[in-house]
PDB file of all heavy atoms in Angstrom:
ATOM      1  N   SER A   1      15.992  57.875  35.209  1.00  0.00           N
ATOM      2  CA  SER A   1      16.356  57.402  36.578  1.00  0.00           C
ATOM      3  C   SER A   1      15.617  56.085  36.993  1.00  0.00           C
ATOM      4  O   SER A   1      16.198  55.166  37.590  1.00  0.00           O
ATOM      5  CB  SER A   1      16.160  58.502  37.580  1.00  0.00           C
ATOM      6  OG  SER A   1      16.927  59.687  37.255  1.00  0.00           O
ATOM      7  N   ARG A   2      14.305  56.066  36.611  1.00  0.00           N
ATOM      8  CA  ARG A   2      13.512  54.921  36.958  1.00  0.00           C
ATOM      9  C   ARG A   2      13.968  53.664  36.293  1.00  0.00           C
ATOM     10  O   ARG A   2      13.988  52.540  36.829  1.00  0.00           O
ATOM     11  CB  ARG A   2      12.004  55.174  36.711  1.00  0.00           C
ATOM     12  CG  ARG A   2      11.035  54.101  37.081  1.00  0.00           C
ATOM     13  CD  ARG A   2       9.647  54.496  36.970  1.00  0.00           C
ATOM     14  NE  ARG A   2       9.317  54.920  35.657  1.00  0.00           N
ATOM     15  CZ  ARG A   2       9.146  56.244  35.231  1.00  0.00           C
ATOM     16  NH1 ARG A   2       9.298  57.185  36.128  1.00  0.00           N
ATOM     17  NH2 ARG A   2       8.834  56.549  33.995  1.00  0.00           N
ATOM     18  N   ASN A   3      14.393  53.734  35.021  1.00  0.00           N
ATOM     19  CA  ASN A   3      14.884  52.619  34.236  1.00  0.00           C
ATOM     20  C   ASN A   3      16.377  52.324  34.466  1.00  0.00           C
ATOM     21  O   ASN A   3      16.906  51.481  33.751  1.00  0.00           O
ATOM     22  CB  ASN A   3      14.561  52.805  32.776  1.00  0.00           C
ATOM     23  CG  ASN A   3      13.132  52.741  32.442  1.00  0.00           C
ATOM     24  OD1 ASN A   3      12.512  51.735  32.415  1.00  0.00           O
ATOM     25  ND2 ASN A   3      12.448  53.875  32.292  1.00  0.00           N
ATOM     26  N   LYS A   4      17.038  53.149  35.282  1.00  0.00           N
ATOM     27  CA  LYS A   4      18.471  52.948  35.600  1.00  0.00           C
ATOM     28  C   LYS A   4      19.325  53.007  34.282  1.00  0.00           C
ATOM     29  O   LYS A   4      20.059  52.061  34.012  1.00  0.00           O
ATOM     30  CB  LYS A   4      18.684  51.607  36.268  1.00  0.00           C
ATOM     31  CG  LYS A   4      18.045  51.521  37.718  1.00  0.00           C
ATOM     32  CD  LYS A   4      18.304  50.293  38.359  1.00  0.00           C
ATOM     33  CE  LYS A   4      17.659  50.245  39.729  1.00  0.00           C
ATOM     34  NZ  LYS A   4      17.842  49.011  40.419  1.00  0.00           N
ATOM     35  N   LEU A   5      19.058  54.086  33.543  1.00  0.00           N
ATOM     36  CA  LEU A   5      19.758  54.231  32.296  1.00  0.00           C
ATOM     37  C   LEU A   5      20.840  55.269  32.424  1.00  0.00           C
ATOM     38  O   LEU A   5      20.839  56.119  33.329  1.00  0.00           O
ATOM     39  CB  LEU A   5      18.787  54.716  31.102  1.00  0.00           C
ATOM     40  CG  LEU A   5      17.529  53.869  30.919  1.00  0.00           C
ATOM     41  CD1 LEU A   5      16.728  54.458  29.821  1.00  0.00           C
ATOM     42  CD2 LEU A   5      17.935  52.446  30.529  1.00  0.00           C
ATOM     43  N   CYS A   6      21.784  55.217  31.488  1.00  0.00           N
ATOM     44  CA  CYS A   6      22.907  56.194  31.468  1.00  0.00           C
ATOM     45  C   CYS A   6      22.283  57.477  30.918  1.00  0.00           C
ATOM     46  O   CYS A   6      21.655  57.547  29.928  1.00  0.00           O
ATOM     47  CB  CYS A   6      24.061  55.706  30.509  1.00  0.00           C
ATOM     48  SG  CYS A   6      25.297  56.992  30.251  1.00  0.00           S
ATOM     49  N   ARG A   7      22.552  58.609  31.630  1.00  0.00           N
ATOM     50  CA  ARG A   7      21.961  59.869  31.255  1.00  0.00           C
ATOM     51  C   ARG A   7      22.650  60.461  29.974  1.00  0.00           C
ATOM     52  O   ARG A   7      22.137  61.423  29.437  1.00  0.00           O
ATOM     53  CB  ARG A   7      22.156  60.899  32.404  1.00  0.00           C
ATOM     54  CG  ARG A   7      21.281  60.639  33.565  1.00  0.00           C
ATOM     55  CD  ARG A   7      21.570  61.666  34.729  1.00  0.00           C
ATOM     56  NE  ARG A   7      21.560  63.030  34.245  1.00  0.00           N
ATOM     57  CZ  ARG A   7      20.457  63.752  34.013  1.00  0.00           C
ATOM     58  NH1 ARG A   7      19.283  63.250  34.298  1.00  0.00           N
ATOM     59  NH2 ARG A   7      20.531  64.952  33.556  1.00  0.00           N
ATOM     60  N   ASN A   8      23.760  59.826  29.568  1.00  0.00           N
ATOM     61  CA  ASN A   8      24.493  60.355  28.370  1.00  0.00           C
ATOM     62  C   ASN A   8      24.004  59.688  27.113  1.00  0.00           C
ATOM     63  O   ASN A   8      23.822  60.330  26.064  1.00  0.00           O
ATOM     64  CB  ASN A   8      25.983  60.176  28.598  1.00  0.00           C
ATOM     65  CG  ASN A   8      26.743  60.868  27.504  1.00  0.00           C
ATOM     66  OD1 ASN A   8      26.556  62.098  27.302  1.00  0.00           O
ATOM     67  ND2 ASN A   8      27.663  60.179  26.880  1.00  0.00           N
ATOM     68  N   CYS A   9      23.782  58.323  27.107  1.00  0.00           N
ATOM     69  CA  CYS A   9      23.478  57.572  25.910  1.00  0.00           C
ATOM     70  C   CYS A   9      22.121  56.941  25.982  1.00  0.00           C
ATOM     71  O   CYS A   9      21.619  56.264  25.109  1.00  0.00           O
ATOM     72  CB  CYS A   9      24.586  56.563  25.534  1.00  0.00           C
ATOM     73  SG  CYS A   9      24.670  55.230  26.769  1.00  0.00           S
ATOM     74  N   LEU A  10      21.472  56.981  27.206  1.00  0.00           N
ATOM     75  CA  LEU A  10      20.151  56.419  27.461  1.00  0.00           C
ATOM     76  C   LEU A  10      20.135  54.877  27.219  1.00  0.00           C
ATOM     77  O   LEU A  10      19.212  54.301  26.816  1.00  0.00           O
ATOM     78  CB  LEU A  10      19.064  57.042  26.543  1.00  0.00           C
ATOM     79  CG  LEU A  10      18.899  58.606  26.665  1.00  0.00           C
ATOM     80  CD1 LEU A  10      17.770  59.071  25.766  1.00  0.00           C
ATOM     81  CD2 LEU A  10      18.781  59.031  28.128  1.00  0.00           C
ATOM     82  N   LYS A  11      21.252  54.242  27.628  1.00  0.00           N
ATOM     83  CA  LYS A  11      21.396  52.799  27.578  1.00  0.00           C
ATOM     84  C   LYS A  11      21.695  52.290  28.960  1.00  0.00           C
ATOM     85  O   LYS A  11      22.439  52.952  29.657  1.00  0.00           O
ATOM     86  CB  LYS A  11      22.379  52.351  26.528  1.00  0.00           C
ATOM     87  CG  LYS A  11      22.042  52.767  25.153  1.00  0.00           C
ATOM     88  CD  LYS A  11      23.174  52.259  24.173  1.00  0.00           C
ATOM     89  CE  LYS A  11      22.779  52.648  22.694  1.00  0.00           C
ATOM     90  NZ  LYS A  11      23.862  52.239  21.751  1.00  0.00           N
ATOM     91  N   PRO A  12      21.317  51.088  29.300  1.00  0.00           N
ATOM     92  CA  PRO A  12      21.607  50.533  30.600  1.00  0.00           C
ATOM     93  C   PRO A  12      22.945  49.951  30.639  1.00  0.00           C
ATOM     94  O   PRO A  12      23.636  49.704  29.623  1.00  0.00           O
ATOM     95  CB  PRO A  12      20.523  49.498  30.786  1.00  0.00           C
ATOM     96  CG  PRO A  12      20.230  48.957  29.477  1.00  0.00           C
ATOM     97  CD  PRO A  12      20.321  50.192  28.567  1.00  0.00           C
ATOM     98  N   GLY A  13      23.456  49.655  31.890  1.00  0.00           N
ATOM     99  CA  GLY A  13      24.684  48.921  31.978  1.00  0.00           C
ATOM    100  C   GLY A  13      25.922  49.690  32.455  1.00  0.00           C
ATOM    101  O   GLY A  13      26.913  49.139  32.812  1.00  0.00           O
ATOM    102  N   HIS A  14      25.818  51.018  32.498  1.00  0.00           N
ATOM    103  CA  HIS A  14      26.962  51.899  32.916  1.00  0.00           C
ATOM    104  C   HIS A  14      26.445  53.180  33.335  1.00  0.00           C
ATOM    105  O   HIS A  14      25.283  53.559  33.152  1.00  0.00           O
ATOM    106  CB  HIS A  14      27.974  51.898  31.791  1.00  0.00           C
ATOM    107  CG  HIS A  14      27.493  52.538  30.568  1.00  0.00           C
ATOM    108  ND1 HIS A  14      26.810  51.821  29.658  1.00  0.00           N
ATOM    109  CD2 HIS A  14      27.524  53.890  30.035  1.00  0.00           C
ATOM    110  CE1 HIS A  14      26.489  52.567  28.624  1.00  0.00           C
ATOM    111  NE2 HIS A  14      26.883  53.845  28.862  1.00  0.00           N
ATOM    112  N   ASN A  15      27.369  54.080  33.868  1.00  0.00           N
ATOM    113  CA  ASN A  15      26.993  55.423  34.291  1.00  0.00           C
ATOM    114  C   ASN A  15      27.603  56.401  33.334  1.00  0.00           C
ATOM    115  O   ASN A  15      28.495  56.111  32.549  1.00  0.00           O
ATOM    116  CB  ASN A  15      27.394  55.657  35.719  1.00  0.00           C
ATOM    117  CG  ASN A  15      28.851  55.289  35.933  1.00  0.00           C
ATOM    118  OD1 ASN A  15      29.672  55.644  35.089  1.00  0.00           O
ATOM    119  ND2 ASN A  15      29.202  54.764  37.126  1.00  0.00           N
ATOM    120  N   PRO A  16      27.192  57.636  33.397  1.00  0.00           N
ATOM    121  CA  PRO A  16      27.722  58.638  32.460  1.00  0.00           C
ATOM    122  C   PRO A  16      29.211  58.846  32.548  1.00  0.00           C
ATOM    123  O   PRO A  16      29.908  59.155  31.561  1.00  0.00           O
ATOM    124  CB  PRO A  16      26.974  59.929  32.874  1.00  0.00           C
ATOM    125  CG  PRO A  16      25.711  59.446  33.481  1.00  0.00           C
ATOM    126  CD  PRO A  16      26.098  58.244  34.219  1.00  0.00           C
ATOM    127  N   ARG A  17      29.846  58.650  33.713  1.00  0.00           N
ATOM    128  CA  ARG A  17      31.239  58.863  33.896  1.00  0.00           C
ATOM    129  C   ARG A  17      32.068  57.847  33.050  1.00  0.00           C
ATOM    130  O   ARG A  17      33.080  58.148  32.563  1.00  0.00           O
ATOM    131  CB  ARG A  17      31.623  58.765  35.320  1.00  0.00           C
ATOM    132  CG  ARG A  17      33.099  58.994  35.604  1.00  0.00           C
ATOM    133  CD  ARG A  17      33.375  58.957  37.101  1.00  0.00           C
ATOM    134  NE  ARG A  17      32.586  60.029  37.844  1.00  0.00           N
ATOM    135  CZ  ARG A  17      32.691  60.198  39.146  1.00  0.00           C
ATOM    136  NH1 ARG A  17      33.402  59.370  39.828  1.00  0.00           N
ATOM    137  NH2 ARG A  17      31.954  61.169  39.676  1.00  0.00           N
ATOM    138  N   MET A  18      31.545  56.603  32.878  1.00  0.00           N
ATOM    139  CA  MET A  18      32.164  55.562  32.127  1.00  0.00           C
ATOM    140  C   MET A  18      31.686  55.561  30.738  1.00  0.00           C
ATOM    141  O   MET A  18      32.109  54.704  29.928  1.00  0.00           O
ATOM    142  CB  MET A  18      31.874  54.211  32.784  1.00  0.00           C
ATOM    143  CG  MET A  18      32.333  54.098  34.281  1.00  0.00           C
ATOM    144  SD  MET A  18      34.099  54.287  34.361  1.00  0.00           S
ATOM    145  CE  MET A  18      34.668  52.771  33.492  1.00  0.00           C
ATOM    146  N   CYS A  19      30.694  56.404  30.342  1.00  0.00           N
ATOM    147  CA  CYS A  19      30.129  56.243  29.089  1.00  0.00           C
ATOM    148  C   CYS A  19      31.120  56.851  27.914  1.00  0.00           C
ATOM    149  O   CYS A  19      31.809  57.886  28.181  1.00  0.00           O
ATOM    150  CB  CYS A  19      28.834  57.042  28.987  1.00  0.00           C
ATOM    151  SG  CYS A  19      28.044  56.955  27.325  1.00  0.00           S
ATOM    152  N   GLU A  20      31.225  56.125  26.767  1.00  0.00           N
ATOM    153  CA  GLU A  20      32.142  56.525  25.740  1.00  0.00           C
ATOM    154  C   GLU A  20      31.367  57.266  24.622  1.00  0.00           C
ATOM    155  O   GLU A  20      31.901  57.507  23.531  1.00  0.00           O
ATOM    156  CB  GLU A  20      32.814  55.330  25.131  1.00  0.00           C
ATOM    157  CG  GLU A  20      33.777  54.612  26.172  1.00  0.00           C
ATOM    158  CD  GLU A  20      34.564  53.536  25.487  1.00  0.00           C
ATOM    159  OE1 GLU A  20      34.209  53.161  24.354  1.00  0.00           O
ATOM    160  OE2 GLU A  20      35.432  52.944  26.180  1.00  0.00           O
ATOM    161  N   GLY A  21      30.055  57.527  24.838  1.00  0.00           N
ATOM    162  CA  GLY A  21      29.311  58.246  23.900  1.00  0.00           C
ATOM    163  C   GLY A  21      29.640  59.733  23.786  1.00  0.00           C
ATOM    164  O   GLY A  21      30.568  60.222  24.553  1.00  0.00           O
ATOM    165  N   GLY A  22      28.905  60.412  22.924  1.00  0.00           N
ATOM    166  CA  GLY A  22      29.211  61.833  22.763  1.00  0.00           C
ATOM    167  C   GLY A  22      28.650  62.642  23.905  1.00  0.00           C
ATOM    168  O   GLY A  22      28.322  62.195  24.909  1.00  0.00           O
ATOM    169  N   THR A  23      28.574  63.973  23.741  1.00  0.00           N
ATOM    170  CA  THR A  23      28.145  64.900  24.811  1.00  0.00           C
ATOM    171  C   THR A  23      26.846  65.628  24.191  1.00  0.00           C
ATOM    172  O   THR A  23      26.527  65.476  23.074  1.00  0.00           O
ATOM    173  CB  THR A  23      29.149  65.930  25.152  1.00  0.00           C
ATOM    174  OG1 THR A  23      29.642  66.574  23.954  1.00  0.00           O
ATOM    175  CG2 THR A  23      30.371  65.109  25.771  1.00  0.00           C
ATOM    176  N   CYS A  24      26.345  66.419  25.040  1.00  0.00           N
ATOM    177  CA  CYS A  24      25.129  67.202  24.618  1.00  0.00           C
ATOM    178  C   CYS A  24      25.460  68.182  23.475  1.00  0.00           C
ATOM    179  O   CYS A  24      26.472  68.796  23.503  1.00  0.00           O
ATOM    180  CB  CYS A  24      24.599  67.937  25.859  1.00  0.00           C
ATOM    181  SG  CYS A  24      23.136  69.084  25.486  1.00  0.00           S
ATOM    182  N   HIS A  25      24.532  68.272  22.523  1.00  0.00           N
ATOM    183  CA  HIS A  25      24.843  69.103  21.342  1.00  0.00           C
ATOM    184  C   HIS A  25      24.740  70.551  21.710  1.00  0.00           C
ATOM    185  O   HIS A  25      25.179  71.474  20.945  1.00  0.00           O
ATOM    186  CB  HIS A  25      23.831  68.826  20.240  1.00  0.00           C
ATOM    187  CG  HIS A  25      23.919  67.450  19.701  1.00  0.00           C
ATOM    188  ND1 HIS A  25      25.173  66.820  19.486  1.00  0.00           N
ATOM    189  CD2 HIS A  25      23.002  66.458  19.464  1.00  0.00           C
ATOM    190  CE1 HIS A  25      25.015  65.572  19.023  1.00  0.00           C
ATOM    191  NE2 HIS A  25      23.696  65.282  18.994  1.00  0.00           N
ATOM    192  N   HIS A  26      24.100  70.938  22.850  1.00  0.00           N
ATOM    193  CA  HIS A  26      23.810  72.284  23.269  1.00  0.00           C
ATOM    194  C   HIS A  26      24.869  72.849  24.072  1.00  0.00           C
ATOM    195  O   HIS A  26      25.389  73.987  23.808  1.00  0.00           O
ATOM    196  CB  HIS A  26      22.411  72.390  23.933  1.00  0.00           C
ATOM    197  CG  HIS A  26      21.342  71.821  23.115  1.00  0.00           C
ATOM    198  ND1 HIS A  26      20.772  72.422  21.956  1.00  0.00           N
ATOM    199  CD2 HIS A  26      20.568  70.643  23.333  1.00  0.00           C
ATOM    200  CE1 HIS A  26      19.821  71.620  21.523  1.00  0.00           C
ATOM    201  NE2 HIS A  26      19.667  70.622  22.289  1.00  0.00           N
ATOM    202  N   CYS A  27      25.287  72.067  25.131  1.00  0.00           N
ATOM    203  CA  CYS A  27      26.246  72.577  26.091  1.00  0.00           C
ATOM    204  C   CYS A  27      27.521  71.710  26.246  1.00  0.00           C
ATOM    205  O   CYS A  27      28.404  72.054  26.997  1.00  0.00           O
ATOM    206  CB  CYS A  27      25.562  72.742  27.460  1.00  0.00           C
ATOM    207  SG  CYS A  27      25.045  71.131  28.133  1.00  0.00           S
ATOM    208  N   HIS A  28      27.506  70.668  25.526  1.00  0.00           N
ATOM    209  CA  HIS A  28      28.753  69.764  25.492  1.00  0.00           C
ATOM    210  C   HIS A  28      29.005  69.134  26.886  1.00  0.00           C
ATOM    211  O   HIS A  28      30.136  68.911  27.209  1.00  0.00           O
ATOM    212  CB  HIS A  28      29.962  70.455  24.927  1.00  0.00           C
ATOM    213  CG  HIS A  28      29.692  71.035  23.586  1.00  0.00           C
ATOM    214  ND1 HIS A  28      29.654  70.300  22.478  1.00  0.00           N
ATOM    215  CD2 HIS A  28      29.624  72.358  23.153  1.00  0.00           C
ATOM    216  CE1 HIS A  28      29.469  71.009  21.400  1.00  0.00           C
ATOM    217  NE2 HIS A  28      29.436  72.346  21.841  1.00  0.00           N
ATOM    218  N   GLN A  29      27.989  68.978  27.636  1.00  0.00           N
ATOM    219  CA  GLN A  29      28.148  68.357  28.996  1.00  0.00           C
ATOM    220  C   GLN A  29      27.798  66.909  28.834  1.00  0.00           C
ATOM    221  O   GLN A  29      27.274  66.425  27.814  1.00  0.00           O
ATOM    222  CB  GLN A  29      27.219  68.914  29.979  1.00  0.00           C
ATOM    223  CG  GLN A  29      27.570  70.472  30.266  1.00  0.00           C
ATOM    224  CD  GLN A  29      29.002  70.719  30.789  1.00  0.00           C
ATOM    225  OE1 GLN A  29      29.455  69.921  31.651  1.00  0.00           O
ATOM    226  NE2 GLN A  29      29.680  71.654  30.236  1.00  0.00           N
ATOM    227  N   LYS A  30      28.096  66.051  29.901  1.00  0.00           N
ATOM    228  CA  LYS A  30      27.844  64.613  29.813  1.00  0.00           C
ATOM    229  C   LYS A  30      26.380  64.291  30.188  1.00  0.00           C
ATOM    230  O   LYS A  30      26.050  63.752  31.223  1.00  0.00           O
ATOM    231  CB  LYS A  30      28.769  63.944  30.903  1.00  0.00           C
ATOM    232  CG  LYS A  30      30.097  63.635  30.395  1.00  0.00           C
ATOM    233  CD  LYS A  30      30.045  62.433  29.351  1.00  0.00           C
ATOM    234  CE  LYS A  30      31.400  62.036  28.944  1.00  0.00           C
ATOM    235  NZ  LYS A  30      31.379  60.887  28.069  1.00  0.00           N
ATOM    236  N   HIS A  31      25.426  64.622  29.266  1.00  0.00           N
ATOM    237  CA  HIS A  31      24.099  64.224  29.354  1.00  0.00           C
ATOM    238  C   HIS A  31      23.494  64.246  27.891  1.00  0.00           C
ATOM    239  O   HIS A  31      24.096  64.876  27.055  1.00  0.00           O
ATOM    240  CB  HIS A  31      23.299  65.149  30.303  1.00  0.00           C
ATOM    241  CG  HIS A  31      23.274  66.578  29.829  1.00  0.00           C
ATOM    242  ND1 HIS A  31      23.984  67.497  30.444  1.00  0.00           N
ATOM    243  CD2 HIS A  31      22.560  67.218  28.888  1.00  0.00           C
ATOM    244  CE1 HIS A  31      23.799  68.688  29.965  1.00  0.00           C
ATOM    245  NE2 HIS A  31      22.932  68.518  28.959  1.00  0.00           N
ATOM    246  N   HIS A  32      22.386  63.572  27.732  1.00  0.00           N
ATOM    247  CA  HIS A  32      21.841  63.399  26.418  1.00  0.00           C
ATOM    248  C   HIS A  32      21.267  64.725  25.962  1.00  0.00           C
ATOM    249  O   HIS A  32      20.723  65.512  26.831  1.00  0.00           O
ATOM    250  CB  HIS A  32      20.798  62.302  26.424  1.00  0.00           C
ATOM    251  CG  HIS A  32      20.372  61.799  25.104  1.00  0.00           C
ATOM    252  ND1 HIS A  32      19.418  62.337  24.307  1.00  0.00           N
ATOM    253  CD2 HIS A  32      20.955  60.715  24.400  1.00  0.00           C
ATOM    254  CE1 HIS A  32      19.367  61.687  23.071  1.00  0.00           C
ATOM    255  NE2 HIS A  32      20.246  60.721  23.136  1.00  0.00           N
ATOM    256  N   SER A  33      21.216  64.989  24.704  1.00  0.00           N
ATOM    257  CA  SER A  33      20.685  66.249  24.179  1.00  0.00           C
ATOM    258  C   SER A  33      19.214  66.455  24.452  1.00  0.00           C
ATOM    259  O   SER A  33      18.744  67.592  24.724  1.00  0.00           O
ATOM    260  CB  SER A  33      20.891  66.332  22.682  1.00  0.00           C
ATOM    261  OG  SER A  33      22.244  66.247  22.340  1.00  0.00           O
ATOM    262  N   MET A  34      18.463  65.271  24.585  1.00  0.00           N
ATOM    263  CA  MET A  34      17.095  65.349  24.964  1.00  0.00           C
ATOM    264  C   MET A  34      16.734  65.573  26.390  1.00  0.00           C
ATOM    265  O   MET A  34      15.598  65.696  26.814  1.00  0.00           O
ATOM    266  CB  MET A  34      16.293  64.012  24.419  1.00  0.00           C
ATOM    267  CG  MET A  34      16.437  63.829  22.914  1.00  0.00           C
ATOM    268  SD  MET A  34      15.440  62.428  22.373  1.00  0.00           S
ATOM    269  CE  MET A  34      13.768  63.050  22.528  1.00  0.00           C
ATOM    270  N   LEU A  35      17.821  65.504  27.236  1.00  0.00           N
ATOM    271  CA  LEU A  35      17.673  65.945  28.620  1.00  0.00           C
ATOM    272  C   LEU A  35      18.210  67.243  28.987  1.00  0.00           C
ATOM    273  O   LEU A  35      18.315  67.667  30.103  1.00  0.00           O
ATOM    274  CB  LEU A  35      18.445  64.847  29.421  1.00  0.00           C
ATOM    275  CG  LEU A  35      18.019  63.371  29.218  1.00  0.00           C
ATOM    276  CD1 LEU A  35      18.901  62.512  30.210  1.00  0.00           C
ATOM    277  CD2 LEU A  35      16.533  63.173  29.597  1.00  0.00           C
ATOM    278  N   HIS A  36      18.545  68.016  27.888  1.00  0.00           N
ATOM    279  CA  HIS A  36      19.194  69.319  28.085  1.00  0.00           C
ATOM    280  C   HIS A  36      18.043  70.308  28.538  1.00  0.00           C
ATOM    281  O   HIS A  36      16.986  70.299  27.974  1.00  0.00           O
ATOM    282  CB  HIS A  36      19.879  69.800  26.860  1.00  0.00           C
ATOM    283  CG  HIS A  36      20.422  71.207  26.962  1.00  0.00           C
ATOM    284  ND1 HIS A  36      21.472  71.522  27.726  1.00  0.00           N
ATOM    285  CD2 HIS A  36      19.901  72.448  26.517  1.00  0.00           C
ATOM    286  CE1 HIS A  36      21.710  72.903  27.637  1.00  0.00           C
ATOM    287  NE2 HIS A  36      20.729  73.391  26.911  1.00  0.00           N
ATOM    288  N   ASN A  37      18.439  71.187  29.561  1.00  0.00           N
ATOM    289  CA  ASN A  37      17.500  72.190  29.992  1.00  0.00           C
ATOM    290  C   ASN A  37      18.315  73.482  29.894  1.00  0.00           C
ATOM    291  O   ASN A  37      19.454  73.594  30.413  1.00  0.00           O
ATOM    292  CB  ASN A  37      17.059  71.912  31.403  1.00  0.00           C
ATOM    293  CG  ASN A  37      15.919  72.838  31.842  1.00  0.00           C
ATOM    294  OD1 ASN A  37      15.729  73.820  31.222  1.00  0.00           O
ATOM    295  ND2 ASN A  37      15.340  72.519  32.976  1.00  0.00           N
ATOM    296  N   ASP A  38      17.629  74.533  29.336  1.00  0.00           N
ATOM    297  CA  ASP A  38      18.410  75.843  29.264  1.00  0.00           C
ATOM    298  C   ASP A  38      18.729  76.474  30.576  1.00  0.00           C
ATOM    299  O   ASP A  38      19.557  77.359  30.667  1.00  0.00           O
ATOM    300  CB  ASP A  38      17.518  76.808  28.405  1.00  0.00           C
ATOM    301  CG  ASP A  38      17.387  76.377  27.009  1.00  0.00           C
ATOM    302  OD1 ASP A  38      18.267  75.593  26.506  1.00  0.00           O
ATOM    303  OD2 ASP A  38      16.382  76.749  26.305  1.00  0.00           O
ATOM    304  N   GLN A  39      17.990  76.046  31.611  1.00  0.00           N
ATOM    305  CA  GLN A  39      18.275  76.623  32.896  1.00  0.00           C
ATOM    306  C   GLN A  39      19.382  75.787  33.671  1.00  0.00           C
ATOM    307  O   GLN A  39      19.600  76.115  34.873  1.00  0.00           O
ATOM    308  CB  GLN A  39      16.965  76.535  33.737  1.00  0.00           C
ATOM    309  CG  GLN A  39      15.836  77.325  33.132  1.00  0.00           C
ATOM    310  CD  GLN A  39      14.561  77.343  33.907  1.00  0.00           C
ATOM    311  OE1 GLN A  39      14.455  76.520  34.921  1.00  0.00           O
ATOM    312  NE2 GLN A  39      13.576  78.068  33.525  1.00  0.00           N
ATOM    313  N   MET A  40      19.927  74.876  32.979  1.00  0.00           N
ATOM    314  CA  MET A  40      20.927  74.041  33.727  1.00  0.00           C
ATOM    315  C   MET A  40      22.158  74.934  34.156  1.00  0.00           C
ATOM    316  O   MET A  40      22.719  74.785  35.257  1.00  0.00           O
ATOM    317  CB  MET A  40      21.476  72.901  32.856  1.00  0.00           C
ATOM    318  CG  MET A  40      20.503  71.797  32.788  1.00  0.00           C
ATOM    319  SD  MET A  40      21.119  70.296  31.905  1.00  0.00           S
ATOM    320  CE  MET A  40      19.870  69.156  32.125  1.00  0.00           C
ATOM    321  N   ARG A  41      22.587  75.875  33.325  1.00  0.00           N
ATOM    322  CA  ARG A  41      23.721  76.668  33.657  1.00  0.00           C
ATOM    323  C   ARG A  41      23.420  77.632  34.792  1.00  0.00           C
ATOM    324  O   ARG A  41      24.134  77.844  35.751  1.00  0.00           O
ATOM    325  CB  ARG A  41      24.213  77.496  32.446  1.00  0.00           C
ATOM    326  CG  ARG A  41      24.885  76.616  31.394  1.00  0.00           C
ATOM    327  CD  ARG A  41      25.433  77.445  30.283  1.00  0.00           C
ATOM    328  NE  ARG A  41      26.148  76.609  29.310  1.00  0.00           N
ATOM    329  CZ  ARG A  41      27.442  76.333  29.358  1.00  0.00           C
ATOM    330  NH1 ARG A  41      28.174  76.771  30.384  1.00  0.00           N
ATOM    331  NH2 ARG A  41      27.973  75.587  28.417  1.00  0.00           N
ATOM    332  N   SER A  42      22.182  78.270  34.677  1.00  0.00           N
ATOM    333  CA  SER A  42      21.838  79.249  35.690  1.00  0.00           C
ATOM    334  C   SER A  42      21.515  78.641  37.011  1.00  0.00           C
ATOM    335  O   SER A  42      21.469  79.316  38.063  1.00  0.00           O
ATOM    336  CB  SER A  42      20.589  80.068  35.224  1.00  0.00           C
ATOM    337  OG  SER A  42      19.561  79.190  34.960  1.00  0.00           O
ATOM    338  N   SER A  43      21.201  77.320  37.005  1.00  0.00           N
ATOM    339  CA  SER A  43      20.807  76.652  38.256  1.00  0.00           C
ATOM    340  C   SER A  43      22.073  76.360  39.090  1.00  0.00           C
ATOM    341  O   SER A  43      21.879  76.029  40.276  1.00  0.00           O
ATOM    342  CB  SER A  43      20.125  75.319  37.985  1.00  0.00           C
ATOM    343  OG  SER A  43      20.970  74.479  37.192  1.00  0.00           O
ATOM    344  N   VAL A  44      23.136  76.566  38.599  1.00  0.00           N
ATOM    345  CA  VAL A  44      24.499  76.370  39.364  1.00  0.00           C
ATOM    346  C   VAL A  44      24.577  77.395  40.382  1.00  0.00           C
ATOM    347  O   VAL A  44      24.467  78.619  40.088  1.00  0.00           O
ATOM    348  CB  VAL A  44      25.669  76.318  38.487  1.00  0.00           C
ATOM    349  CG1 VAL A  44      26.936  76.058  39.266  1.00  0.00           C
ATOM    350  CG2 VAL A  44      25.533  75.239  37.422  1.00  0.00           C
ATOM    351  N   PRO A  45      24.817  77.177  41.678  1.00  0.00           N
ATOM    352  CA  PRO A  45      24.948  78.201  42.742  1.00  0.00           C
ATOM    353  C   PRO A  45      26.065  79.211  42.349  1.00  0.00           C
ATOM    354  O   PRO A  45      27.123  78.829  41.953  1.00  0.00           O
ATOM    355  CB  PRO A  45      25.249  77.460  43.989  1.00  0.00           C
ATOM    356  CG  PRO A  45      24.765  76.082  43.734  1.00  0.00           C
ATOM    357  CD  PRO A  45      24.913  75.882  42.263  1.00  0.00           C
ATOM    358  N   GLN A  46      25.803  80.490  42.523  1.00  0.00           N
ATOM    359  CA  GLN A  46      26.724  81.500  42.161  1.00  0.00           C
ATOM    360  C   GLN A  46      27.963  81.451  43.139  1.00  0.00           C
ATOM    361  O   GLN A  46      29.015  81.940  42.804  1.00  0.00           O
ATOM    362  CB  GLN A  46      26.078  82.967  42.191  1.00  0.00           C
ATOM    363  CG  GLN A  46      25.049  83.074  41.101  1.00  0.00           C
ATOM    364  CD  GLN A  46      25.580  82.986  39.689  1.00  0.00           C
ATOM    365  OE1 GLN A  46      26.692  83.330  39.530  1.00  0.00           O
ATOM    366  NE2 GLN A  46      24.776  82.484  38.853  1.00  0.00           N
TER     367      GLN A  46
END
């Protein structure tokens, strides 16, 4: 966030919604695999 990088490919110049890169290898969501947290699913309000 501090470097204003895309959370999906970790490159500047665009946002994850416009990113054409792949998805997370763990949950297949629009974020980089190195930003994946196992608590991401449980953190969603029931």
